[in-house]
């Protein structure tokens, strides 16, 4: 069993004992998503830490998007709830790359691919994606690659 899944379960127990409603509901939601992923497909499987991180990342993205939608819909209290859940999930994700570090990794990938323009974006993304996996959102990476390729 993955260490991260064990940590999530232990933290859920602690949150329930502390009567922390936001943390409890968030951790239950993530553990349900993990369990659903484990039984999806033709056979049951155990997920590793990398798979659990991907699920937590996906759930955090859902919370960000929901918060934006609630803001646009004039529901600030619901947006605040979604952001609070997102903050809980952030505790279980690897540290995000800052803009300078992301730019450096993209520059290295552009040089490695020998990219000369926007038509090479796919090749660059193929190189940079494994290097930033889980530490930067795909949209941020794509925007930086596009900026770098149109500037050259």
Protein backbone atom coordinates (compact mmCIF):
# COMPACT_ATOMS: atom_id res chain seq x y z
CA UNK A 1 0.00 0.00 0.00
CA UNK A 2 1.25 3.48 -0.75
CA UNK A 3 2.67 5.58 2.06
CA UNK A 4 0.63 8.58 0.93
CA UNK A 5 -2.61 6.58 1.14
CA UNK A 6 -1.66 5.48 4.68
CA UNK A 7 -0.94 9.10 5.58
CA UNK A 8 -4.30 10.20 4.19
CA UNK A 9 -6.09 7.55 6.27
CA UNK A 10 -4.20 8.50 9.44
CA UNK A 11 -4.88 12.20 8.87
CA UNK A 12 -8.58 11.44 8.30
CA UNK A 13 -8.75 9.70 11.67
CA UNK A 14 -7.01 12.65 13.34
CA UNK A 15 -9.32 15.15 11.61
CA UNK A 16 -12.38 13.21 12.72
CA UNK A 17 -11.15 13.17 16.32
CA UNK A 18 -10.43 16.91 16.15
CA UNK A 19 -13.88 17.51 14.61
CA UNK A 20 -12.29 19.38 11.70
CA UNK A 21 -15.18 19.27 9.21
CA UNK A 22 -13.34 20.71 6.19
CA UNK A 23 -10.35 18.39 6.55
CA UNK A 24 -12.58 15.37 7.25
CA UNK A 25 -14.80 15.86 4.21
CA UNK A 26 -11.82 16.63 1.96
CA UNK A 27 -9.85 13.56 3.02
CA UNK A 28 -12.92 11.34 2.70
CA UNK A 29 -13.44 12.66 -0.83
CA UNK A 30 -9.82 11.95 -1.80
CA UNK A 31 -9.82 8.47 -0.28
CA UNK A 32 -13.06 7.71 -2.13
CA UNK A 33 -11.46 8.84 -5.39
CA UNK A 34 -8.45 6.61 -4.65
CA UNK A 35 -10.70 3.63 -3.88
CA UNK A 36 -12.70 4.21 -7.07
CA UNK A 37 -9.48 4.30 -9.09
CA UNK A 38 -8.30 1.06 -7.47
CA UNK A 39 -11.43 -0.83 -8.50
CA UNK A 40 -11.76 0.77 -11.94
CA UNK A 41 -11.00 -1.52 -14.84
CA UNK A 42 -11.12 -5.27 -15.10
CA UNK A 43 -9.24 -6.08 -11.88
CA UNK A 44 -8.59 -4.55 -8.48
CA UNK A 45 -5.12 -3.08 -8.04
CA UNK A 46 -3.07 -1.29 -5.42
CA UNK A 47 -2.05 2.23 -6.31
CA UNK A 48 1.45 3.51 -5.73
CA UNK A 49 2.36 6.93 -4.37
CA UNK A 50 2.70 8.38 -7.90
CA UNK A 51 -0.85 7.32 -8.76
CA UNK A 52 -2.23 8.73 -5.51
CA UNK A 53 -0.42 12.05 -6.14
CA UNK A 54 -2.05 12.20 -9.58
CA UNK A 55 -5.48 11.68 -8.02
CA UNK A 56 -4.85 14.35 -5.37
CA UNK A 57 -3.65 16.72 -8.12
CA UNK A 58 -6.78 16.04 -10.17
CA UNK A 59 -9.02 16.66 -7.15
CA UNK A 60 -7.16 19.89 -6.31
CA UNK A 61 -7.69 21.10 -9.87
CA UNK A 62 -11.40 20.34 -9.57
CA UNK A 63 -11.53 22.45 -6.40
CA UNK A 64 -9.80 25.40 -8.13
CA UNK A 65 -12.14 25.24 -11.11
CA UNK A 66 -15.21 24.94 -8.88
CA UNK A 67 -14.09 27.95 -6.81
CA UNK A 68 -13.73 30.02 -10.00
CA UNK A 69 -17.18 28.91 -11.19
CA UNK A 70 -18.77 29.78 -7.84
CA UNK A 71 -17.09 33.20 -7.92
CA UNK A 72 -18.48 33.87 -11.38
CA UNK A 73 -21.89 32.65 -10.26
CA UNK A 74 -22.00 35.03 -7.32
CA UNK A 75 -21.59 32.35 -4.63
CA UNK A 76 -18.54 33.52 -2.64
CA UNK A 77 -19.33 31.30 0.38
CA UNK A 78 -19.22 28.16 -1.79
CA UNK A 79 -16.05 29.41 -3.50
CA UNK A 80 -14.45 29.83 -0.07
CA UNK A 81 -15.41 26.24 0.83
CA UNK A 82 -13.79 24.94 -2.36
CA UNK A 83 -10.62 26.96 -1.74
CA UNK A 84 -10.43 25.61 1.83
CA UNK A 85 -10.61 22.07 0.47
CA UNK A 86 -7.92 22.96 -2.08
CA UNK A 87 -5.64 24.15 0.73
CA UNK A 88 -6.07 20.83 2.53
CA UNK A 89 -5.15 18.97 -0.67
CA UNK A 90 -2.09 21.17 -1.20
CA UNK A 91 -0.56 19.64 1.93
CA UNK A 92 -0.33 16.31 0.10
CA UNK A 93 1.15 17.57 -3.16
CA UNK A 94 4.82 18.11 -4.03
CA UNK A 95 6.04 21.70 -3.87
CA UNK A 96 5.12 23.62 -7.00
CA UNK A 97 7.84 25.02 -9.27
CA UNK A 98 8.26 28.77 -9.26
CA UNK A 99 8.21 30.68 -12.55
CA UNK A 100 12.01 30.97 -12.79
CA UNK A 101 12.57 27.24 -12.30
CA UNK A 102 9.84 26.40 -14.80
CA UNK A 103 11.35 28.79 -17.34
CA UNK A 104 14.78 27.18 -16.86
CA UNK A 105 13.40 23.65 -17.41
CA UNK A 106 11.50 24.77 -20.51
CA UNK A 107 14.60 26.49 -21.90
CA UNK A 108 16.60 23.28 -21.43
CA UNK A 109 13.87 21.24 -23.15
CA UNK A 110 13.72 23.69 -26.08
CA UNK A 111 17.51 23.40 -26.51
CA UNK A 112 17.39 19.60 -26.18
CA UNK A 113 14.63 19.32 -28.79
CA UNK A 114 16.32 21.78 -31.13
CA UNK A 115 12.96 23.54 -31.40
CA UNK A 116 12.72 26.60 -33.62
CA UNK A 117 9.08 27.62 -33.52
CA UNK A 118 5.53 26.90 -32.37
CA UNK A 119 5.29 23.87 -34.65
CA UNK A 120 7.77 22.10 -32.31
CA UNK A 121 5.61 22.52 -29.21
CA UNK A 122 4.70 18.82 -29.04
CA UNK A 123 8.33 17.71 -29.07
CA UNK A 124 9.24 20.18 -26.33
CA UNK A 125 6.24 19.21 -24.19
CA UNK A 126 7.21 15.53 -24.50
CA UNK A 127 10.64 16.36 -23.04
CA UNK A 128 9.58 18.81 -20.32
CA UNK A 129 6.45 17.05 -19.03
CA UNK A 130 8.26 14.19 -17.20
CA UNK A 131 10.63 16.70 -15.58
CA UNK A 132 7.84 18.81 -14.08
CA UNK A 133 5.26 16.06 -13.50
CA UNK A 134 3.19 16.91 -10.45
CA UNK A 135 5.15 20.07 -9.69
CA UNK A 136 3.54 22.37 -12.27
CA UNK A 137 0.10 22.42 -13.84
CA UNK A 138 -0.04 21.43 -17.51
CA UNK A 139 -1.56 24.75 -18.57
CA UNK A 140 1.27 26.67 -16.92
CA UNK A 141 3.86 24.48 -18.64
CA UNK A 142 2.18 24.80 -22.04
CA UNK A 143 1.96 28.59 -21.69
CA UNK A 144 5.67 28.83 -20.87
CA UNK A 145 6.62 26.54 -23.78
CA UNK A 146 4.45 28.59 -26.15
CA UNK A 147 5.94 31.86 -24.87
CA UNK A 148 9.47 30.52 -25.29
CA UNK A 149 8.85 29.16 -28.81
CA UNK A 150 7.14 32.32 -30.12
CA UNK A 151 9.90 34.53 -28.67
CA UNK A 152 12.66 32.64 -30.49
